[in-house]
């Protein structure tokens, strides 16, 4: 995900940057600067950026969830609920 910091203190998602290219997978987003992390946290808190959840599995089906992820066809996060 790419976030553009604006001079007025706001931020916006860069159009198209959150969409992975065909054949490209980026399972981890790395934020190196503290201010970037705070900006990302604010965007998540206010609902301006939301994670894409592909599927949700109960804990007793965690093996199925891992198999689904291993198959490589996920389109978002796979969540295991407690």
PDB file of N, CA and C in Angstrom:
ATOM      1  N   UNK A   1       0.848  -1.154   0.000  1.00  0.00           N
ATOM      2  CA  UNK A   1       0.000   0.000   0.000  1.00  0.00           C
ATOM      3  C   UNK A   1       0.897   1.220   0.000  1.00  0.00           C
ATOM      4  N   UNK A   2       0.607   2.169  -0.816  1.00  0.00           N
ATOM      5  CA  UNK A   2       1.372   3.404  -0.828  1.00  0.00           C
ATOM      6  C   UNK A   2       0.499   4.524  -0.298  1.00  0.00           C
ATOM      7  N   UNK A   3       1.057   5.307   0.599  1.00  0.00           N
ATOM      8  CA  UNK A   3       0.336   6.429   1.176  1.00  0.00           C
ATOM      9  C   UNK A   3       1.129   7.690   0.872  1.00  0.00           C
ATOM     10  N   UNK A   4       0.457   8.674   0.338  1.00  0.00           N
ATOM     11  CA  UNK A   4       1.098   9.949   0.038  1.00  0.00           C
ATOM     12  C   UNK A   4       0.811  10.903   1.184  1.00  0.00           C
ATOM     13  N   UNK A   5       1.857  11.444   1.770  1.00  0.00           N
ATOM     14  CA  UNK A   5       1.711  12.416   2.848  1.00  0.00           C
ATOM     15  C   UNK A   5       1.491  13.786   2.215  1.00  0.00           C
ATOM     16  N   UNK A   6       0.457  14.493   2.633  1.00  0.00           N
ATOM     17  CA  UNK A   6       0.176  15.815   2.089  1.00  0.00           C
ATOM     18  C   UNK A   6       0.784  16.878   2.994  1.00  0.00           C
ATOM     19  N   UNK A   7       1.057  18.039   2.433  1.00  0.00           N
ATOM     20  CA  UNK A   7       1.685  19.120   3.189  1.00  0.00           C
ATOM     21  C   UNK A   7       0.788  19.649   4.302  1.00  0.00           C
ATOM     22  N   UNK A   8      -0.533  19.464   4.199  1.00  0.00           N
ATOM     23  CA  UNK A   8      -1.448  19.945   5.227  1.00  0.00           C
ATOM     24  C   UNK A   8      -1.594  18.955   6.393  1.00  0.00           C
ATOM     25  N   UNK A   9      -0.768  17.926   6.399  1.00  0.00           N
ATOM     26  CA  UNK A   9      -0.817  16.946   7.480  1.00  0.00           C
ATOM     27  C   UNK A   9      -1.691  15.747   7.180  1.00  0.00           C
ATOM     28  N   UNK A  10      -2.492  15.819   6.137  1.00  0.00           N
ATOM     29  CA  UNK A  10      -3.340  14.697   5.767  1.00  0.00           C
ATOM     30  C   UNK A  10      -2.581  13.669   4.950  1.00  0.00           C
ATOM     31  N   UNK A  11      -3.272  12.641   4.566  1.00  0.00           N
ATOM     32  CA  UNK A  11      -2.665  11.593   3.750  1.00  0.00           C
ATOM     33  C   UNK A  11      -3.740  11.015   2.850  1.00  0.00           C
ATOM     34  N   UNK A  12      -3.293  10.388   1.773  1.00  0.00           N
ATOM     35  CA  UNK A  12      -4.248   9.712   0.894  1.00  0.00           C
ATOM     36  C   UNK A  12      -3.572   8.479   0.315  1.00  0.00           C
ATOM     37  N   UNK A  13      -4.399   7.513  -0.039  1.00  0.00           N
ATOM     38  CA  UNK A  13      -3.878   6.336  -0.733  1.00  0.00           C
ATOM     39  C   UNK A  13      -3.565   6.723  -2.163  1.00  0.00           C
ATOM     40  N   UNK A  14      -2.474   6.217  -2.676  1.00  0.00           N
ATOM     41  CA  UNK A  14      -2.123   6.468  -4.068  1.00  0.00           C
ATOM     42  C   UNK A  14      -2.970   5.536  -4.925  1.00  0.00           C
ATOM     43  N   UNK A  15      -3.739   6.089  -5.877  1.00  0.00           N
ATOM     44  CA  UNK A  15      -4.629   5.252  -6.693  1.00  0.00           C
ATOM     45  C   UNK A  15      -3.885   4.095  -7.357  1.00  0.00           C
ATOM     46  N   UNK A  16      -4.458   2.903  -7.215  1.00  0.00           N
ATOM     47  CA  UNK A  16      -3.898   1.724  -7.854  1.00  0.00           C
ATOM     48  C   UNK A  16      -2.747   1.085  -7.107  1.00  0.00           C
ATOM     49  N   UNK A  17      -2.180   1.771  -6.128  1.00  0.00           N
ATOM     50  CA  UNK A  17      -1.000   1.243  -5.453  1.00  0.00           C
ATOM     51  C   UNK A  17      -1.331   0.056  -4.563  1.00  0.00           C
ATOM     52  N   UNK A  18      -2.561  -0.034  -4.084  1.00  0.00           N
ATOM     53  CA  UNK A  18      -2.912  -1.143  -3.213  1.00  0.00           C
ATOM     54  C   UNK A  18      -3.325  -2.390  -3.982  1.00  0.00           C
ATOM     55  N   UNK A  19      -3.427  -2.275  -5.284  1.00  0.00           N
ATOM     56  CA  UNK A  19      -3.801  -3.417  -6.103  1.00  0.00           C
ATOM     57  C   UNK A  19      -2.544  -4.131  -6.576  1.00  0.00           C
ATOM     58  N   UNK A  20      -2.365  -5.382  -6.197  1.00  0.00           N
ATOM     59  CA  UNK A  20      -1.166  -6.091  -6.640  1.00  0.00           C
ATOM     60  C   UNK A  20      -1.200  -6.367  -8.138  1.00  0.00           C
ATOM     61  N   UNK A  21      -0.030  -6.318  -8.748  1.00  0.00           N
ATOM     62  CA  UNK A  21       0.081  -6.662 -10.164  1.00  0.00           C
ATOM     63  C   UNK A  21      -0.099  -8.165 -10.318  1.00  0.00           C
ATOM     64  N   UNK A  22      -0.471  -8.591 -11.497  1.00  0.00           N
ATOM     65  CA  UNK A  22      -0.661 -10.004 -11.768  1.00  0.00           C
ATOM     66  C   UNK A  22       0.622 -10.774 -11.468  1.00  0.00           C
ATOM     67  N   UNK A  23       0.501 -11.823 -10.696  1.00  0.00           N
ATOM     68  CA  UNK A  23       1.655 -12.641 -10.354  1.00  0.00           C
ATOM     69  C   UNK A  23       2.511 -12.082  -9.242  1.00  0.00           C
ATOM     70  N   UNK A  24       2.136 -10.957  -8.688  1.00  0.00           N
ATOM     71  CA  UNK A  24       2.916 -10.315  -7.637  1.00  0.00           C
ATOM     72  C   UNK A  24       2.185 -10.432  -6.314  1.00  0.00           C
ATOM     73  N   UNK A  25       2.884 -10.888  -5.280  1.00  0.00           N
ATOM     74  CA  UNK A  25       2.267 -11.010  -3.955  1.00  0.00           C
ATOM     75  C   UNK A  25       3.131 -10.272  -2.949  1.00  0.00           C
ATOM     76  N   UNK A  26       2.506  -9.487  -2.127  1.00  0.00           N
ATOM     77  CA  UNK A  26       3.207  -8.758  -1.076  1.00  0.00           C
ATOM     78  C   UNK A  26       2.454  -8.992   0.223  1.00  0.00           C
ATOM     79  N   UNK A  27       2.785 -10.055   0.968  1.00  0.00           N
ATOM     80  CA  UNK A  27       2.003 -10.403   2.144  1.00  0.00           C
ATOM     81  C   UNK A  27       2.233  -9.497   3.353  1.00  0.00           C
ATOM     82  N   UNK A  28       3.291  -8.701   3.346  1.00  0.00           N
ATOM     83  CA  UNK A  28       3.610  -7.875   4.508  1.00  0.00           C
ATOM     84  C   UNK A  28       3.798  -6.442   4.068  1.00  0.00           C
ATOM     85  N   UNK A  29       3.207  -5.505   4.824  1.00  0.00           N
ATOM     86  CA  UNK A  29       3.430  -4.089   4.585  1.00  0.00           C
ATOM     87  C   UNK A  29       4.415  -3.620   5.636  1.00  0.00           C
ATOM     88  N   UNK A  30       5.498  -3.005   5.208  1.00  0.00           N
ATOM     89  CA  UNK A  30       6.518  -2.531   6.129  1.00  0.00           C
ATOM     90  C   UNK A  30       6.443  -1.018   6.237  1.00  0.00           C
ATOM     91  N   UNK A  31       6.408  -0.524   7.450  1.00  0.00           N
ATOM     92  CA  UNK A  31       6.401   0.916   7.692  1.00  0.00           C
ATOM     93  C   UNK A  31       7.637   1.240   8.503  1.00  0.00           C
ATOM     94  N   UNK A  32       8.548   2.026   7.921  1.00  0.00           N
ATOM     95  CA  UNK A  32       9.827   2.271   8.554  1.00  0.00           C
ATOM     96  C   UNK A  32       9.843   3.497   9.462  1.00  0.00           C
ATOM     97  N   UNK A  33       9.079   4.505   9.155  1.00  0.00           N
ATOM     98  CA  UNK A  33       9.121   5.731   9.936  1.00  0.00           C
ATOM     99  C   UNK A  33       7.956   5.792  10.905  1.00  0.00           C
ATOM    100  N   UNK A  34       8.213   6.298  12.094  1.00  0.00           N
ATOM    101  CA  UNK A  34       7.182   6.395  13.132  1.00  0.00           C
ATOM    102  C   UNK A  34       5.986   7.210  12.644  1.00  0.00           C
ATOM    103  N   UNK A  35       6.217   8.338  12.002  1.00  0.00           N
ATOM    104  CA  UNK A  35       5.110   9.176  11.540  1.00  0.00           C
ATOM    105  C   UNK A  35       4.271   8.445  10.499  1.00  0.00           C
ATOM    106  N   UNK A  36       4.911   7.660   9.631  1.00  0.00           N
ATOM    107  CA  UNK A  36       4.161   6.874   8.651  1.00  0.00           C
ATOM    108  C   UNK A  36       3.262   5.857   9.349  1.00  0.00           C
ATOM    109  N   UNK A  37       3.789   5.230  10.395  1.00  0.00           N
ATOM    110  CA  UNK A  37       2.998   4.258  11.151  1.00  0.00           C
ATOM    111  C   UNK A  37       1.814   4.936  11.833  1.00  0.00           C
ATOM    112  N   UNK A  38       2.047   6.121  12.396  1.00  0.00           N
ATOM    113  CA  UNK A  38       0.954   6.863  13.034  1.00  0.00           C
ATOM    114  C   UNK A  38      -0.101   7.280  12.012  1.00  0.00           C
ATOM    115  N   UNK A  39       0.340   7.686  10.836  1.00  0.00           N
ATOM    116  CA  UNK A  39      -0.599   8.053   9.772  1.00  0.00           C
ATOM    117  C   UNK A  39      -1.419   6.842   9.345  1.00  0.00           C
ATOM    118  N   UNK A  40      -0.762   5.711   9.173  1.00  0.00           N
ATOM    119  CA  UNK A  40      -1.466   4.488   8.798  1.00  0.00           C
ATOM    120  C   UNK A  40      -2.473   4.091   9.881  1.00  0.00           C
ATOM    121  N   UNK A  41      -2.072   4.178  11.143  1.00  0.00           N
ATOM    122  CA  UNK A  41      -2.983   3.850  12.247  1.00  0.00           C
ATOM    123  C   UNK A  41      -4.201   4.769  12.233  1.00  0.00           C
ATOM    124  N   UNK A  42      -3.988   6.053  11.953  1.00  0.00           N
ATOM    125  CA  UNK A  42      -5.097   6.998  11.889  1.00  0.00           C
ATOM    126  C   UNK A  42      -6.041   6.667  10.737  1.00  0.00           C
ATOM    127  N   UNK A  43      -5.489   6.325   9.580  1.00  0.00           N
ATOM    128  CA  UNK A  43      -6.325   5.965   8.439  1.00  0.00           C
ATOM    129  C   UNK A  43      -7.151   4.711   8.725  1.00  0.00           C
ATOM    130  N   UNK A  44      -6.559   3.749   9.421  1.00  0.00           N
ATOM    131  CA  UNK A  44      -7.290   2.534   9.790  1.00  0.00           C
ATOM    132  C   UNK A  44      -8.378   2.848  10.806  1.00  0.00           C
ATOM    133  N   UNK A  45      -8.043   3.674  11.803  1.00  0.00           N
ATOM    134  CA  UNK A  45      -8.999   4.019  12.860  1.00  0.00           C
ATOM    135  C   UNK A  45     -10.209   4.763  12.307  1.00  0.00           C
ATOM    136  N   UNK A  46      -9.982   5.660  11.360  1.00  0.00           N
ATOM    137  CA  UNK A  46     -11.074   6.464  10.803  1.00  0.00           C
ATOM    138  C   UNK A  46     -11.820   5.758   9.683  1.00  0.00           C
ATOM    139  N   UNK A  47     -11.362   4.575   9.297  1.00  0.00           N
ATOM    140  CA  UNK A  47     -12.049   3.821   8.259  1.00  0.00           C
ATOM    141  C   UNK A  47     -11.720   4.248   6.844  1.00  0.00           C
ATOM    142  N   UNK A  48     -10.713   5.115   6.679  1.00  0.00           N
ATOM    143  CA  UNK A  48     -10.333   5.559   5.346  1.00  0.00           C
ATOM    144  C   UNK A  48      -9.571   4.465   4.595  1.00  0.00           C
ATOM    145  N   UNK A  49      -8.936   3.566   5.331  1.00  0.00           N
ATOM    146  CA  UNK A  49      -8.262   2.407   4.765  1.00  0.00           C
ATOM    147  C   UNK A  49      -8.770   1.193   5.537  1.00  0.00           C
ATOM    148  N   UNK A  50      -9.245   0.198   4.828  1.00  0.00           N
ATOM    149  CA  UNK A  50      -9.732  -1.006   5.490  1.00  0.00           C
ATOM    150  C   UNK A  50      -9.077  -2.234   4.872  1.00  0.00           C
ATOM    151  N   UNK A  51      -8.759  -3.224   5.702  1.00  0.00           N
ATOM    152  CA  UNK A  51      -8.171  -4.442   5.150  1.00  0.00           C
ATOM    153  C   UNK A  51      -9.227  -5.237   4.376  1.00  0.00           C
ATOM    154  N   UNK A  52      -8.787  -5.936   3.371  1.00  0.00           N
ATOM    155  CA  UNK A  52      -9.679  -6.796   2.594  1.00  0.00           C
ATOM    156  C   UNK A  52      -9.626  -8.182   3.219  1.00  0.00           C
ATOM    157  N   UNK A  53     -10.772  -8.675   3.677  1.00  0.00           N
ATOM    158  CA  UNK A  53     -10.842  -9.996   4.302  1.00  0.00           C
ATOM    159  C   UNK A  53     -11.444 -10.962   3.292  1.00  0.00           C
ATOM    160  N   UNK A  54     -10.658 -11.961   2.930  1.00  0.00           N
ATOM    161  CA  UNK A  54     -11.080 -12.959   1.959  1.00  0.00           C
ATOM    162  C   UNK A  54     -12.026 -13.962   2.617  1.00  0.00           C
ATOM    163  N   UNK A  55     -11.551 -14.589   3.689  1.00  0.00           N
ATOM    164  CA  UNK A  55     -12.346 -15.607   4.390  1.00  0.00           C
ATOM    165  C   UNK A  55     -12.083 -15.559   5.881  1.00  0.00           C
ATOM    166  N   UNK A  56     -13.051 -16.071   6.636  1.00  0.00           N
ATOM    167  CA  UNK A  56     -12.924 -16.175   8.086  1.00  0.00           C
ATOM    168  C   UNK A  56     -13.179 -17.623   8.483  1.00  0.00           C
ATOM    169  N   UNK A  57     -12.300 -18.155   9.341  1.00  0.00           N
ATOM    170  CA  UNK A  57     -12.425 -19.529   9.814  1.00  0.00           C
ATOM    171  C   UNK A  57     -12.458 -19.542  11.332  1.00  0.00           C
ATOM    172  N   UNK A  58     -13.264 -20.422  11.943  1.00  0.00           N
ATOM    173  CA  UNK A  58     -13.180 -20.598  13.396  1.00  0.00           C
ATOM    174  C   UNK A  58     -11.872 -21.326  13.740  1.00  0.00           C
ATOM    175  N   UNK A  59     -11.421 -21.205  14.982  1.00  0.00           N
ATOM    176  CA  UNK A  59     -10.155 -21.783  15.405  1.00  0.00           C
ATOM    177  C   UNK A  59     -10.068 -23.279  15.114  1.00  0.00           C
ATOM    178  N   UNK A  60     -11.167 -23.999  15.283  1.00  0.00           N
ATOM    179  CA  UNK A  60     -11.123 -25.451  15.069  1.00  0.00           C
ATOM    180  C   UNK A  60     -10.970 -25.824  13.583  1.00  0.00           C
ATOM    181  N   UNK A  61     -11.031 -24.834  12.678  1.00  0.00           N
ATOM    182  CA  UNK A  61     -10.807 -25.072  11.260  1.00  0.00           C
ATOM    183  C   UNK A  61      -9.531 -24.384  10.773  1.00  0.00           C
ATOM    184  N   UNK A  62      -8.600 -24.134  11.700  1.00  0.00           N
ATOM    185  CA  UNK A  62      -7.351 -23.442  11.354  1.00  0.00           C
ATOM    186  C   UNK A  62      -6.553 -24.201  10.296  1.00  0.00           C
ATOM    187  N   UNK A  63      -6.574 -25.526  10.355  1.00  0.00           N
ATOM    188  CA  UNK A  63      -5.855 -26.327   9.350  1.00  0.00           C
ATOM    189  C   UNK A  63      -6.415 -26.064   7.958  1.00  0.00           C
ATOM    190  N   UNK A  64      -7.738 -25.934   7.846  1.00  0.00           N
ATOM    191  CA  UNK A  64      -8.356 -25.619   6.556  1.00  0.00           C
ATOM    192  C   UNK A  64      -7.934 -24.229   6.076  1.00  0.00           C
ATOM    193  N   UNK A  65      -7.847 -23.294   7.018  1.00  0.00           N
ATOM    194  CA  UNK A  65      -7.426 -21.933   6.680  1.00  0.00           C
ATOM    195  C   UNK A  65      -6.001 -21.936   6.138  1.00  0.00           C
ATOM    196  N   UNK A  66      -5.117 -22.674   6.781  1.00  0.00           N
ATOM    197  CA  UNK A  66      -3.730 -22.746   6.340  1.00  0.00           C
ATOM    198  C   UNK A  66      -3.622 -23.420   4.974  1.00  0.00           C
ATOM    199  N   UNK A  67      -4.432 -24.428   4.752  1.00  0.00           N
ATOM    200  CA  UNK A  67      -4.449 -25.091   3.446  1.00  0.00           C
ATOM    201  C   UNK A  67      -4.909 -24.127   2.353  1.00  0.00           C
ATOM    202  N   UNK A  68      -5.917 -23.330   2.679  1.00  0.00           N
ATOM    203  CA  UNK A  68      -6.433 -22.353   1.717  1.00  0.00           C
ATOM    204  C   UNK A  68      -5.349 -21.328   1.372  1.00  0.00           C
ATOM    205  N   UNK A  69      -4.650 -20.834   2.385  1.00  0.00           N
ATOM    206  CA  UNK A  69      -3.571 -19.869   2.143  1.00  0.00           C
ATOM    207  C   UNK A  69      -2.447 -20.512   1.329  1.00  0.00           C
ATOM    208  N   UNK A  70      -2.088 -21.737   1.669  1.00  0.00           N
ATOM    209  CA  UNK A  70      -1.004 -22.438   0.980  1.00  0.00           C
ATOM    210  C   UNK A  70      -1.326 -22.668  -0.498  1.00  0.00           C
ATOM    211  N   UNK A  71      -2.607 -22.772  -0.824  1.00  0.00           N
ATOM    212  CA  UNK A  71      -3.012 -22.976  -2.219  1.00  0.00           C
ATOM    213  C   UNK A  71      -2.717 -21.744  -3.077  1.00  0.00           C
ATOM    214  N   UNK A  72      -2.535 -20.581  -2.426  1.00  0.00           N
ATOM    215  CA  UNK A  72      -2.136 -19.381  -3.143  1.00  0.00           C
ATOM    216  C   UNK A  72      -3.225 -18.630  -3.873  1.00  0.00           C
ATOM    217  N   UNK A  73      -4.469 -18.835  -3.514  1.00  0.00           N
ATOM    218  CA  UNK A  73      -5.562 -18.172  -4.223  1.00  0.00           C
ATOM    219  C   UNK A  73      -6.254 -17.100  -3.402  1.00  0.00           C
ATOM    220  N   UNK A  74      -5.639 -16.663  -2.327  1.00  0.00           N
ATOM    221  CA  UNK A  74      -6.289 -15.656  -1.478  1.00  0.00           C
ATOM    222  C   UNK A  74      -6.340 -14.309  -2.185  1.00  0.00           C
ATOM    223  N   UNK A  75      -7.392 -13.564  -1.916  1.00  0.00           N
ATOM    224  CA  UNK A  75      -7.568 -12.221  -2.469  1.00  0.00           C
ATOM    225  C   UNK A  75      -7.577 -11.158  -1.371  1.00  0.00           C
ATOM    226  N   UNK A  76      -7.257 -11.575  -0.171  1.00  0.00           N
ATOM    227  CA  UNK A  76      -7.234 -10.680   0.971  1.00  0.00           C
ATOM    228  C   UNK A  76      -6.713 -11.458   2.172  1.00  0.00           C
ATOM    229  N   UNK A  77      -6.990 -10.930   3.336  1.00  0.00           N
ATOM    230  CA  UNK A  77      -6.542 -11.586   4.565  1.00  0.00           C
ATOM    231  C   UNK A  77      -7.452 -12.760   4.899  1.00  0.00           C
ATOM    232  N   UNK A  78      -6.849 -13.789   5.466  1.00  0.00           N
ATOM    233  CA  UNK A  78      -7.601 -14.932   5.974  1.00  0.00           C
ATOM    234  C   UNK A  78      -7.546 -14.827   7.487  1.00  0.00           C
ATOM    235  N   UNK A  79      -8.727 -14.768   8.106  1.00  0.00           N
ATOM    236  CA  UNK A  79      -8.842 -14.524   9.539  1.00  0.00           C
ATOM    237  C   UNK A  79      -9.253 -15.794  10.264  1.00  0.00           C
ATOM    238  N   UNK A  80      -8.593 -16.070  11.395  1.00  0.00           N
ATOM    239  CA  UNK A  80      -8.977 -17.178  12.270  1.00  0.00           C
ATOM    240  C   UNK A  80      -9.573 -16.554  13.527  1.00  0.00           C
ATOM    241  N   UNK A  81     -10.827 -16.886  13.798  1.00  0.00           N
ATOM    242  CA  UNK A  81     -11.510 -16.284  14.952  1.00  0.00           C
ATOM    243  C   UNK A  81     -11.425 -17.213  16.159  1.00  0.00           C
ATOM    244  N   UNK A  82     -11.381 -16.599  17.323  1.00  0.00           N
ATOM    245  CA  UNK A  82     -11.330 -17.353  18.588  1.00  0.00           C
ATOM    246  C   UNK A  82     -12.693 -17.433  19.212  1.00  0.00           C
TER     247      UNK A  82
END
